[in-house]
Amino acid sequence: MTNFPTLGELGLKHDPKGRGYHAVYREHEVNHCPGCGRTHWLIGRVSAECAFCATALPLAEASTRHHNGPAVIQHRNRNHGHAWAA
């Protein structure tokens, strides 16, 4: 297996502004699908998927949110001492 040179070894810098077009789903804006041009989206936690052609885009806001700690999920029935199984 060959070793691939890193950006630093090639004398290149990581410059997000210079990488060109980067499609993302922006909340509170009309987002046209880059695949089909339609505007109907299925929104998840970190990505949006076109309802017609299934093109997926990352959410612009997902990468800017700060996570201070792990999410703690507490169930309503946690104090009853038993769990129900289906």
C-alpha atoms as a PDB file:
ATOM      1  CA  MET A   1       0.000   0.000   0.000  1.00  0.00           C
ATOM      2  CA  THR A   2       1.401   3.385  -0.951  1.00  0.00           C
ATOM      3  CA  ASN A   3       1.431   6.404   1.283  1.00  0.00           C
ATOM      4  CA  PHE A   4      -0.541   9.378   0.089  1.00  0.00           C
ATOM      5  CA  PRO A   5       0.926  12.823   0.766  1.00  0.00           C
ATOM      6  CA  THR A   6      -0.938  15.119   3.132  1.00  0.00           C
ATOM      7  CA  LEU A   7      -2.038  18.660   2.286  1.00  0.00           C
ATOM      8  CA  GLY A   8       0.875  20.005   4.327  1.00  0.00           C
ATOM      9  CA  GLU A   9       3.370  17.877   2.425  1.00  0.00           C
ATOM     10  CA  LEU A  10       1.964  19.157  -0.857  1.00  0.00           C
ATOM     11  CA  GLY A  11       2.293  22.762   0.357  1.00  0.00           C
ATOM     12  CA  LEU A  12      -1.481  23.264   0.386  1.00  0.00           C
ATOM     13  CA  LYS A  13      -3.561  24.799   3.147  1.00  0.00           C
ATOM     14  CA  HIS A  14      -7.035  23.780   4.267  1.00  0.00           C
ATOM     15  CA  ASP A  15      -9.150  26.644   2.949  1.00  0.00           C
ATOM     16  CA  PRO A  16     -12.919  25.992   3.139  1.00  0.00           C
ATOM     17  CA  LYS A  17     -13.673  29.233   1.265  1.00  0.00           C
ATOM     18  CA  GLY A  18     -11.604  28.113  -1.690  1.00  0.00           C
ATOM     19  CA  ARG A  19     -13.181  24.685  -2.095  1.00  0.00           C
ATOM     20  CA  GLY A  20     -15.955  25.915  -4.347  1.00  0.00           C
ATOM     21  CA  TYR A  21     -19.672  25.162  -4.326  1.00  0.00           C
ATOM     22  CA  HIS A  22     -20.879  23.307  -1.243  1.00  0.00           C
ATOM     23  CA  ALA A  23     -24.604  22.572  -1.190  1.00  0.00           C
ATOM     24  CA  VAL A  24     -26.253  22.601   2.246  1.00  0.00           C
ATOM     25  CA  TYR A  25     -29.849  22.814   3.478  1.00  0.00           C
ATOM     26  CA  ARG A  26     -30.470  26.182   5.127  1.00  0.00           C
ATOM     27  CA  GLU A  27     -33.270  26.499   7.651  1.00  0.00           C
ATOM     28  CA  HIS A  28     -35.828  29.294   7.064  1.00  0.00           C
ATOM     29  CA  GLU A  29     -34.917  29.583   3.358  1.00  0.00           C
ATOM     30  CA  VAL A  30     -36.346  28.112   0.153  1.00  0.00           C
ATOM     31  CA  ASN A  31     -34.003  25.243  -0.706  1.00  0.00           C
ATOM     32  CA  HIS A  32     -34.065  23.938  -4.253  1.00  0.00           C
ATOM     33  CA  CYS A  33     -32.794  20.393  -4.698  1.00  0.00           C
ATOM     34  CA  PRO A  34     -29.564  20.283  -6.729  1.00  0.00           C
ATOM     35  CA  GLY A  35     -30.763  16.995  -8.253  1.00  0.00           C
ATOM     36  CA  CYS A  36     -34.276  17.810  -9.431  1.00  0.00           C
ATOM     37  CA  GLY A  37     -34.936  21.463  -8.525  1.00  0.00           C
ATOM     38  CA  ARG A  38     -37.961  20.803  -6.320  1.00  0.00           C
ATOM     39  CA  THR A  39     -38.419  22.262  -2.845  1.00  0.00           C
ATOM     40  CA  HIS A  40     -40.035  19.493  -0.739  1.00  0.00           C
ATOM     41  CA  TRP A  41     -37.637  18.137   1.935  1.00  0.00           C
ATOM     42  CA  LEU A  42     -37.675  15.534   4.685  1.00  0.00           C
ATOM     43  CA  ILE A  43     -35.670  17.040   7.546  1.00  0.00           C
ATOM     44  CA  GLY A  44     -33.633  14.959   9.972  1.00  0.00           C
ATOM     45  CA  ARG A  45     -31.213  15.847  12.749  1.00  0.00           C
ATOM     46  CA  VAL A  46     -28.123  16.333  10.597  1.00  0.00           C
ATOM     47  CA  SER A  47     -29.365  16.093   7.010  1.00  0.00           C
ATOM     48  CA  ALA A  48     -32.287  16.864   4.712  1.00  0.00           C
ATOM     49  CA  GLU A  49     -33.477  14.550   1.937  1.00  0.00           C
ATOM     50  CA  CYS A  50     -35.375  15.573  -1.153  1.00  0.00           C
ATOM     51  CA  ALA A  51     -38.821  13.982  -1.044  1.00  0.00           C
ATOM     52  CA  PHE A  52     -38.793  13.383  -4.810  1.00  0.00           C
ATOM     53  CA  CYS A  53     -35.320  12.224  -5.846  1.00  0.00           C
ATOM     54  CA  ALA A  54     -33.764  11.359  -2.433  1.00  0.00           C
ATOM     55  CA  THR A  55     -30.787  13.728  -2.827  1.00  0.00           C
ATOM     56  CA  ALA A  56     -29.385  14.278   0.669  1.00  0.00           C
ATOM     57  CA  LEU A  57     -27.853  17.535   1.892  1.00  0.00           C
ATOM     58  CA  PRO A  58     -26.231  18.273   5.250  1.00  0.00           C
ATOM     59  CA  LEU A  59     -27.964  20.840   7.441  1.00  0.00           C
ATOM     60  CA  ALA A  60     -26.009  24.085   7.597  1.00  0.00           C
ATOM     61  CA  GLU A  61     -27.006  24.524  11.247  1.00  0.00           C
ATOM     62  CA  ALA A  62     -25.936  21.001  12.272  1.00  0.00           C
ATOM     63  CA  SER A  63     -22.235  21.829  12.065  1.00  0.00           C
ATOM     64  CA  THR A  64     -22.572  25.150  13.931  1.00  0.00           C
ATOM     65  CA  ARG A  65     -24.374  23.853  17.024  1.00  0.00           C
ATOM     66  CA  HIS A  66     -22.273  23.444  20.117  1.00  0.00           C
ATOM     67  CA  HIS A  67     -22.654  20.296  22.149  1.00  0.00           C
ATOM     68  CA  ASN A  68     -21.583  20.956  25.729  1.00  0.00           C
ATOM     69  CA  GLY A  69     -22.257  17.468  26.985  1.00  0.00           C
ATOM     70  CA  PRO A  70     -23.968  14.206  26.212  1.00  0.00           C
ATOM     71  CA  ALA A  71     -27.727  14.224  25.879  1.00  0.00           C
ATOM     72  CA  VAL A  72     -29.479  12.590  28.821  1.00  0.00           C
ATOM     73  CA  ILE A  73     -32.770  10.893  27.997  1.00  0.00           C
ATOM     74  CA  GLN A  74     -35.039  10.298  30.964  1.00  0.00           C
ATOM     75  CA  HIS A  75     -38.139   8.190  30.611  1.00  0.00           C
ATOM     76  CA  ARG A  76     -41.370   9.089  32.369  1.00  0.00           C
ATOM     77  CA  ASN A  77     -41.765   5.638  33.934  1.00  0.00           C
ATOM     78  CA  ARG A  78     -38.195   5.280  35.211  1.00  0.00           C
ATOM     79  CA  ASN A  79     -39.250   5.370  38.896  1.00  0.00           C
ATOM     80  CA  HIS A  80     -41.746   2.504  38.672  1.00  0.00           C
ATOM     81  CA  GLY A  81     -39.052  -0.178  38.882  1.00  0.00           C
ATOM     82  CA  HIS A  82     -40.330  -2.308  35.997  1.00  0.00           C
ATOM     83  CA  ALA A  83     -40.303  -2.078  32.249  1.00  0.00           C
ATOM     84  CA  TRP A  84     -42.930  -3.207  29.815  1.00  0.00           C
ATOM     85  CA  ALA A  85     -41.962  -5.196  26.760  1.00  0.00           C
ATOM     86  CA  ALA A  86     -44.065  -5.621  23.661  1.00  0.00           C
END
